[in-house]
Amino acid sequence: MIPIGQQALLHIIVHLLFLVISWWALQAVHFDKWIKKGKVMQARVLYILLVISLASIASDFFLKYLQYSTNLSQLFG
């Protein structure tokens, strides 16, 4: 088992890593086409929320997969 402090550090690092990856991936999408004129602030908030949502989903999947794969060793040993 991983001590609680190390597990918390791993979760923070993974969440931050997936925030960066999500931000980088969403840079490829042209949101300018869908933004109304004068609504730049709302568009930025929406972009930030999209990045956080995508990163949360991806990092939760990764962390659960990691946990499940490490728990498999308890099945056989």
C-alpha atoms as a PDB file:
ATOM      1  CA  MET A   1       0.000   0.000   0.000  1.00  0.00           C
ATOM      2  CA  ILE A   2       1.071   3.552  -0.687  1.00  0.00           C
ATOM      3  CA  PRO A   3       1.261   5.821   2.385  1.00  0.00           C
ATOM      4  CA  ILE A   4      -1.385   8.549   2.462  1.00  0.00           C
ATOM      5  CA  GLY A   5       1.081  11.409   1.946  1.00  0.00           C
ATOM      6  CA  GLN A   6       2.621   9.818  -1.122  1.00  0.00           C
ATOM      7  CA  GLN A   7      -0.811   8.999  -2.519  1.00  0.00           C
ATOM      8  CA  ALA A   8      -1.936  12.615  -2.051  1.00  0.00           C
ATOM      9  CA  LEU A   9       1.206  13.887  -3.794  1.00  0.00           C
ATOM     10  CA  LEU A  10       0.640  11.450  -6.672  1.00  0.00           C
ATOM     11  CA  HIS A  11      -2.970  12.629  -7.056  1.00  0.00           C
ATOM     12  CA  ILE A  12      -1.950  16.306  -7.084  1.00  0.00           C
ATOM     13  CA  ILE A  13       0.777  15.697  -9.670  1.00  0.00           C
ATOM     14  CA  VAL A  14      -1.520  13.632 -11.907  1.00  0.00           C
ATOM     15  CA  HIS A  15      -4.315  16.227 -11.722  1.00  0.00           C
ATOM     16  CA  LEU A  16      -1.898  19.045 -12.591  1.00  0.00           C
ATOM     17  CA  LEU A  17      -0.398  17.004 -15.418  1.00  0.00           C
ATOM     18  CA  PHE A  18      -3.809  16.358 -16.927  1.00  0.00           C
ATOM     19  CA  LEU A  19      -4.708  20.050 -16.540  1.00  0.00           C
ATOM     20  CA  VAL A  20      -1.699  20.928 -18.673  1.00  0.00           C
ATOM     21  CA  ILE A  21      -2.492  18.194 -21.208  1.00  0.00           C
ATOM     22  CA  SER A  22      -6.149  19.281 -21.433  1.00  0.00           C
ATOM     23  CA  TRP A  23      -5.180  22.921 -21.882  1.00  0.00           C
ATOM     24  CA  TRP A  24      -2.689  21.943 -24.602  1.00  0.00           C
ATOM     25  CA  ALA A  25      -5.227  19.726 -26.383  1.00  0.00           C
ATOM     26  CA  LEU A  26      -7.960  22.377 -26.357  1.00  0.00           C
ATOM     27  CA  GLN A  27      -5.582  24.856 -27.992  1.00  0.00           C
ATOM     28  CA  ALA A  28      -6.287  23.017 -31.260  1.00  0.00           C
ATOM     29  CA  VAL A  29      -9.978  23.972 -31.192  1.00  0.00           C
ATOM     30  CA  HIS A  30     -10.988  27.325 -32.710  1.00  0.00           C
ATOM     31  CA  PHE A  31     -13.478  28.712 -30.230  1.00  0.00           C
ATOM     32  CA  ASP A  32     -13.460  32.078 -31.998  1.00  0.00           C
ATOM     33  CA  LYS A  33     -16.192  30.908 -34.349  1.00  0.00           C
ATOM     34  CA  TRP A  34     -18.651  30.350 -31.493  1.00  0.00           C
ATOM     35  CA  ILE A  35     -17.931  33.435 -29.385  1.00  0.00           C
ATOM     36  CA  LYS A  36     -20.298  36.377 -29.606  1.00  0.00           C
ATOM     37  CA  LYS A  37     -18.740  39.802 -29.888  1.00  0.00           C
ATOM     38  CA  GLY A  38     -18.178  41.402 -26.510  1.00  0.00           C
ATOM     39  CA  LYS A  39     -18.408  38.089 -24.612  1.00  0.00           C
ATOM     40  CA  VAL A  40     -14.687  37.481 -24.203  1.00  0.00           C
ATOM     41  CA  MET A  41     -14.789  37.121 -20.412  1.00  0.00           C
ATOM     42  CA  GLN A  42     -17.537  34.494 -20.525  1.00  0.00           C
ATOM     43  CA  ALA A  43     -15.614  32.649 -23.250  1.00  0.00           C
ATOM     44  CA  ARG A  44     -12.484  32.563 -21.082  1.00  0.00           C
ATOM     45  CA  VAL A  45     -14.438  31.253 -18.104  1.00  0.00           C
ATOM     46  CA  LEU A  46     -16.033  28.591 -20.308  1.00  0.00           C
ATOM     47  CA  TYR A  47     -12.606  27.610 -21.643  1.00  0.00           C
ATOM     48  CA  ILE A  48     -11.231  27.260 -18.112  1.00  0.00           C
ATOM     49  CA  LEU A  49     -14.233  25.171 -17.057  1.00  0.00           C
ATOM     50  CA  LEU A  50     -13.805  22.928 -20.109  1.00  0.00           C
ATOM     51  CA  VAL A  51     -10.131  22.418 -19.295  1.00  0.00           C
ATOM     52  CA  ILE A  52     -10.898  21.576 -15.664  1.00  0.00           C
ATOM     53  CA  SER A  53     -13.731  19.215 -16.602  1.00  0.00           C
ATOM     54  CA  LEU A  54     -11.714  17.365 -19.207  1.00  0.00           C
ATOM     55  CA  ALA A  55      -8.704  17.118 -16.909  1.00  0.00           C
ATOM     56  CA  SER A  56     -10.833  15.858 -14.029  1.00  0.00           C
ATOM     57  CA  ILE A  57     -12.414  13.112 -16.118  1.00  0.00           C
ATOM     58  CA  ALA A  58      -9.092  12.004 -17.608  1.00  0.00           C
ATOM     59  CA  SER A  59      -7.130  12.086 -14.342  1.00  0.00           C
ATOM     60  CA  ASP A  60      -9.862  10.246 -12.429  1.00  0.00           C
ATOM     61  CA  PHE A  61      -9.852   7.543 -15.100  1.00  0.00           C
ATOM     62  CA  PHE A  62      -6.061   7.273 -14.927  1.00  0.00           C
ATOM     63  CA  LEU A  63      -5.949   7.166 -11.124  1.00  0.00           C
ATOM     64  CA  LYS A  64      -8.722   4.559 -10.894  1.00  0.00           C
ATOM     65  CA  TYR A  65      -7.029   2.440 -13.552  1.00  0.00           C
ATOM     66  CA  LEU A  66      -3.765   2.682 -11.608  1.00  0.00           C
ATOM     67  CA  GLN A  67      -5.512   1.714  -8.370  1.00  0.00           C
ATOM     68  CA  TYR A  68      -7.336  -1.216  -9.956  1.00  0.00           C
ATOM     69  CA  SER A  69      -4.189  -2.497 -11.633  1.00  0.00           C
ATOM     70  CA  THR A  70      -2.232  -2.379  -8.372  1.00  0.00           C
ATOM     71  CA  ASN A  71      -5.088  -4.140  -6.572  1.00  0.00           C
ATOM     72  CA  LEU A  72      -4.891  -7.025  -9.049  1.00  0.00           C
ATOM     73  CA  SER A  73      -1.747  -8.223  -7.319  1.00  0.00           C
ATOM     74  CA  GLN A  74      -3.875  -8.952  -4.230  1.00  0.00           C
ATOM     75  CA  LEU A  75      -6.061 -11.246  -6.312  1.00  0.00           C
ATOM     76  CA  PHE A  76      -3.217 -13.624  -7.078  1.00  0.00           C
ATOM     77  CA  GLY A  77      -1.011 -13.309  -4.064  1.00  0.00           C
END
